[in-house]
Amino acid sequence: MAKPVVKKEYTLSERIYLWEILKGMKLTWGHFWFNFKACWRPGPHTIPTCWQYPEDRTREISPIFRGEHMLQRDEKGRETCIACGMCAKICPAKCITIKKAKRKEGDEEKYAAKTYAASFEVDLLRCIFCGFCEDACPKNALVLGQEYEFARYTKEECILDKRKLLMNYRKAKEDGKLKPPRKRVPVVPAPPKPEKAEKAEGAEGKKAKVAGAKGKKKPVVKKKAAEKAESTEKKEAAEKEG
């Protein structure tokens, strides 16, 4: 069914549209003069002006920015990833692939846990940088750093293997751009129910079920008895008539 057409009669000011244009120009000029005055101030910029990138790289990146991935090490320089696969399972883009391996004797200085990632790959072309992998990691091993330059010349360069992920960590550590350890949200378990109350509730529930079942069966028995009595009466009446 077609929608009804509503004809609106515009006033003269609405048809000219001059007042709306003047309001828009006022807002534009206000932002222009604010930015023009701020660009002459000494010191770092504190307003959203155009940044002369890549010549000027002094802009500070937000500490919660999610950039290129990295695999972190512990204080002793050992790999903290245990290859549990939680990041790959929770990833909505399915861009993480991991192969798990067991630590051999003598490799305690390389890997912090009994298991480690034999291979770890992240496809930047599929990644949406949601941060789910970082939140799901139980060891805080996989982190999205502050590296924001993702331009590559080939598709193979966009796949971060384990070597590149560890190199990103080393580079961020040398530049002092490591994220502070994430604070875990305390999980408060629900208070357990008392066993006595559960047993009492269970016993009461069983009694109620049995009583309900008995109550339902009684009408059926009464109906059957009434039907038998009616059938016998009919037979007796038929015999008398015959």
Protein backbone atom coordinates (compact mmCIF):
# COMPACT_ATOMS: atom_id res chain seq x y z
CA MET A 1 0.00 0.00 0.00
CA ALA A 2 1.43 3.38 -1.00
CA LYS A 3 2.12 5.94 1.69
CA PRO A 4 0.01 9.08 1.60
CA VAL A 5 1.80 12.18 0.34
CA VAL A 6 1.73 15.06 2.81
CA LYS A 7 2.08 18.46 1.25
CA LYS A 8 3.76 21.03 3.50
CA GLU A 9 3.59 24.73 2.84
CA TYR A 10 6.92 26.37 3.64
CA THR A 11 7.18 29.95 4.83
CA LEU A 12 9.22 32.58 3.04
CA SER A 13 12.19 32.28 5.44
CA GLU A 14 12.21 28.50 5.05
CA ARG A 15 12.13 28.72 1.27
CA ILE A 16 15.01 31.21 1.15
CA TYR A 17 17.01 29.07 3.65
CA LEU A 18 19.24 32.04 4.41
CA TRP A 19 18.88 31.89 8.18
CA GLU A 20 20.03 28.25 8.32
CA ILE A 21 23.05 29.07 6.15
CA LEU A 22 24.03 31.92 8.47
CA LYS A 23 23.79 29.66 11.53
CA GLY A 24 26.06 27.09 9.89
CA MET A 25 28.61 29.73 8.87
CA LYS A 26 28.64 31.11 12.41
CA LEU A 27 29.52 27.66 13.81
CA THR A 28 32.21 27.12 11.15
CA TRP A 29 33.89 30.49 11.73
CA GLY A 30 33.84 29.96 15.48
CA HIS A 31 35.82 26.71 15.14
CA PHE A 32 38.15 28.27 12.58
CA TRP A 33 39.18 31.22 14.78
CA PHE A 34 39.58 28.99 17.84
CA ASN A 35 41.99 26.68 15.99
CA PHE A 36 43.77 29.61 14.32
CA LYS A 37 44.56 31.24 17.67
CA ALA A 38 45.58 27.93 19.24
CA CYS A 39 48.10 27.12 16.49
CA TRP A 40 50.27 30.07 17.60
CA ARG A 41 50.52 28.90 21.18
CA PRO A 42 53.88 27.45 22.27
CA GLY A 43 54.14 23.90 23.52
CA PRO A 44 52.31 20.73 22.57
CA HIS A 45 48.89 20.98 21.01
CA THR A 46 45.99 20.23 23.27
CA ILE A 47 43.15 20.73 20.79
CA PRO A 48 41.97 18.63 17.85
CA THR A 49 43.91 20.38 15.09
CA CYS A 50 45.48 18.86 11.98
CA TRP A 51 48.69 17.00 12.79
CA GLN A 52 51.64 17.20 10.43
CA TYR A 53 52.16 13.46 10.09
CA PRO A 54 54.62 11.80 9.38
CA GLU A 55 56.98 14.74 9.95
CA ASP A 56 55.68 15.36 13.46
CA ARG A 57 55.44 12.16 15.54
CA THR A 58 55.33 13.79 18.98
CA ARG A 59 51.62 13.28 19.52
CA GLU A 60 50.84 11.13 22.54
CA ILE A 61 48.81 7.98 21.99
CA SER A 62 46.04 7.08 24.39
CA PRO A 63 47.05 4.33 26.85
CA ILE A 64 43.87 2.41 25.96
CA PHE A 65 44.59 2.53 22.22
CA ARG A 66 44.44 -0.90 20.53
CA GLY A 67 47.19 -1.19 17.96
CA GLU A 68 49.42 -3.94 16.63
CA HIS A 69 49.64 -7.14 18.64
CA MET A 70 52.57 -8.35 20.71
CA LEU A 71 53.49 -11.36 22.83
CA GLN A 72 54.84 -10.33 26.22
CA ARG A 73 57.57 -11.92 28.30
CA ASP A 74 57.90 -12.11 32.07
CA GLU A 75 60.55 -10.50 34.25
CA LYS A 76 63.00 -13.31 33.50
CA GLY A 77 62.56 -12.97 29.74
CA ARG A 78 60.48 -16.11 29.35
CA GLU A 79 57.42 -16.43 27.10
CA THR A 80 54.24 -16.23 29.15
CA CYS A 81 51.86 -17.60 26.51
CA ILE A 82 50.60 -21.09 27.42
CA ALA A 83 48.80 -21.66 24.07
CA CYS A 84 45.45 -22.23 25.77
CA GLY A 85 43.60 -21.02 22.67
CA MET A 86 41.22 -18.69 24.51
CA CYS A 87 42.13 -15.77 22.23
CA ALA A 88 41.50 -17.82 19.09
CA LYS A 89 38.14 -19.07 20.41
CA ILE A 90 36.80 -15.66 21.41
CA CYS A 91 38.07 -13.82 18.30
CA PRO A 92 34.98 -12.78 16.26
CA ALA A 93 37.04 -12.38 13.06
CA LYS A 94 38.82 -15.76 13.43
CA CYS A 95 42.18 -14.20 12.63
CA ILE A 96 44.30 -16.03 15.24
CA THR A 97 45.81 -19.49 14.76
CA ILE A 98 47.85 -21.26 17.43
CA LYS A 99 49.72 -24.55 17.63
CA LYS A 100 50.39 -25.93 21.10
CA ALA A 101 53.54 -27.74 22.21
CA LYS A 102 54.92 -29.13 25.47
CA ARG A 103 58.03 -27.74 27.07
CA LYS A 104 61.06 -30.01 26.94
CA GLU A 105 63.60 -30.49 29.69
CA GLY A 106 66.15 -27.70 29.71
CA ASP A 107 63.77 -25.11 28.20
CA GLU A 108 62.64 -23.72 31.55
CA GLU A 109 64.54 -20.50 30.80
CA LYS A 110 62.61 -19.95 27.54
CA TYR A 111 59.03 -20.75 28.55
CA ALA A 112 57.35 -19.92 31.83
CA ALA A 113 54.76 -22.73 31.71
CA LYS A 114 54.74 -26.40 30.81
CA THR A 115 53.07 -25.63 27.48
CA TYR A 116 53.92 -22.92 24.97
CA ALA A 117 52.91 -21.71 21.51
CA ALA A 118 54.93 -23.49 18.85
CA SER A 119 53.40 -21.15 16.26
CA PHE A 120 51.28 -18.05 16.72
CA GLU A 121 49.85 -16.08 13.79
CA VAL A 122 47.62 -13.00 13.64
CA ASP A 123 46.10 -11.88 10.33
CA LEU A 124 45.92 -8.08 10.43
CA LEU A 125 43.75 -8.00 7.30
CA ARG A 126 40.96 -9.78 9.16
CA CYS A 127 41.51 -8.35 12.64
CA ILE A 128 38.97 -5.74 13.78
CA PHE A 129 41.04 -4.68 16.84
CA CYS A 130 38.19 -5.30 19.27
CA GLY A 131 40.50 -6.32 22.13
CA PHE A 132 38.60 -9.51 23.01
CA CYS A 133 41.79 -11.57 22.73
CA GLU A 134 43.55 -9.30 25.20
CA ASP A 135 40.69 -9.54 27.68
CA ALA A 136 40.40 -13.32 27.38
CA CYS A 137 44.10 -14.07 27.87
CA PRO A 138 44.55 -15.57 31.38
CA LYS A 139 48.29 -14.80 31.49
CA ASN A 140 48.18 -11.29 29.98
CA ALA A 141 50.51 -12.59 27.26
CA LEU A 142 48.75 -11.23 24.15
CA VAL A 143 48.45 -7.44 24.22
CA LEU A 144 47.42 -4.84 21.64
CA GLY A 145 50.16 -2.22 21.75
CA GLN A 146 50.33 1.39 20.56
CA GLU A 147 51.79 0.75 17.10
CA TYR A 148 49.33 2.30 14.63
CA GLU A 149 51.23 2.08 11.32
CA PHE A 150 49.71 -0.97 9.61
CA ALA A 151 50.55 -0.15 5.98
CA ARG A 152 52.17 -3.07 4.13
CA TYR A 153 53.16 -3.72 0.53
CA THR A 154 52.29 -7.43 0.40
CA LYS A 155 49.66 -9.65 1.96
CA GLU A 156 52.29 -11.86 3.60
CA GLU A 157 53.65 -8.90 5.57
CA CYS A 158 50.20 -8.40 7.14
CA ILE A 159 50.40 -11.79 8.87
CA LEU A 160 52.20 -11.47 12.19
CA ASP A 161 53.97 -14.67 13.17
CA LYS A 162 55.47 -15.44 16.56
CA ARG A 163 58.81 -13.84 15.71
CA LYS A 164 57.17 -10.53 14.75
CA LEU A 165 54.96 -10.56 17.83
CA LEU A 166 57.98 -10.97 20.10
CA MET A 167 59.83 -8.26 18.17
CA ASN A 168 56.92 -5.88 18.74
CA TYR A 169 57.21 -6.51 22.46
CA ARG A 170 60.95 -5.85 22.46
CA LYS A 171 60.48 -2.64 20.47
CA ALA A 172 57.72 -1.39 22.77
CA LYS A 173 59.85 -2.17 25.82
CA GLU A 174 62.82 -0.25 24.41
CA ASP A 175 60.59 2.74 23.55
CA GLY A 176 58.87 2.64 26.95
CA LYS A 177 55.41 2.05 25.44
CA LEU A 178 54.40 -1.07 27.35
CA LYS A 179 50.93 -1.11 28.81
CA PRO A 180 50.59 -1.49 32.57
CA PRO A 181 49.27 -4.87 33.72
CA ARG A 182 45.51 -5.09 33.51
CA LYS A 183 43.58 -5.19 36.76
CA ARG A 184 41.45 -8.28 37.07
CA VAL A 185 37.81 -7.85 38.05
CA PRO A 186 37.23 -9.69 41.34
CA VAL A 187 34.71 -12.50 40.97
CA VAL A 188 32.51 -12.94 44.03
CA PRO A 189 31.04 -16.46 44.21
CA ALA A 190 27.39 -16.85 45.07
CA PRO A 191 26.69 -17.93 48.66
CA PRO A 192 25.97 -21.68 48.83
CA LYS A 193 22.57 -22.80 49.98
CA PRO A 194 22.39 -24.72 53.27
CA GLU A 195 22.16 -28.47 52.79
CA LYS A 196 19.34 -28.87 55.28
CA ALA A 197 17.15 -26.39 53.46
CA GLU A 198 17.84 -28.12 50.15
CA LYS A 199 16.97 -31.53 51.60
CA ALA A 200 13.79 -30.15 53.16
CA GLU A 201 12.80 -28.49 49.90
CA GLY A 202 13.51 -31.71 48.02
CA ALA A 203 11.44 -33.79 50.43
CA GLU A 204 8.54 -31.32 50.30
CA GLY A 205 8.67 -31.29 46.52
CA LYS A 206 8.57 -35.08 46.35
CA LYS A 207 5.61 -35.18 48.76
CA ALA A 208 3.76 -32.60 46.71
CA LYS A 209 4.37 -34.57 43.52
CA VAL A 210 3.15 -37.80 45.10
CA ALA A 211 0.07 -36.08 46.49
CA GLY A 212 -0.66 -34.51 43.11
CA ALA A 213 -0.27 -37.84 41.36
CA LYS A 214 -2.62 -39.51 43.85
CA GLY A 215 -5.14 -36.70 43.49
CA LYS A 216 -5.12 -37.08 39.75
CA LYS A 217 -5.58 -40.86 39.84
CA LYS A 218 -8.64 -40.83 42.12
CA PRO A 219 -11.07 -39.25 39.63
CA VAL A 220 -10.04 -41.83 37.02
CA VAL A 221 -10.84 -44.73 39.37
CA LYS A 222 -14.22 -43.19 40.27
CA LYS A 223 -15.08 -42.76 36.60
CA LYS A 224 -14.25 -46.37 35.83
CA ALA A 225 -16.37 -47.57 38.75
CA ALA A 226 -19.31 -45.42 37.62
CA GLU A 227 -19.01 -46.71 34.03
CA LYS A 228 -19.05 -50.33 35.26
CA ALA A 229 -22.11 -49.66 37.39
CA GLU A 230 -23.94 -48.07 34.43
CA SER A 231 -23.03 -50.96 32.15
CA THR A 232 -24.32 -53.54 34.67
CA GLU A 233 -27.55 -51.60 35.12
CA LYS A 234 -28.09 -51.50 31.38
CA LYS A 235 -27.48 -55.23 31.08
CA GLU A 236 -29.96 -55.96 33.88
CA ALA A 237 -32.56 -53.70 32.27
CA ALA A 238 -32.08 -55.42 28.91
CA GLU A 239 -32.46 -58.88 30.47
CA LYS A 240 -35.72 -57.85 32.21
CA GLU A 241 -37.14 -56.47 28.99
CA GLY A 242 -36.16 -59.62 27.12
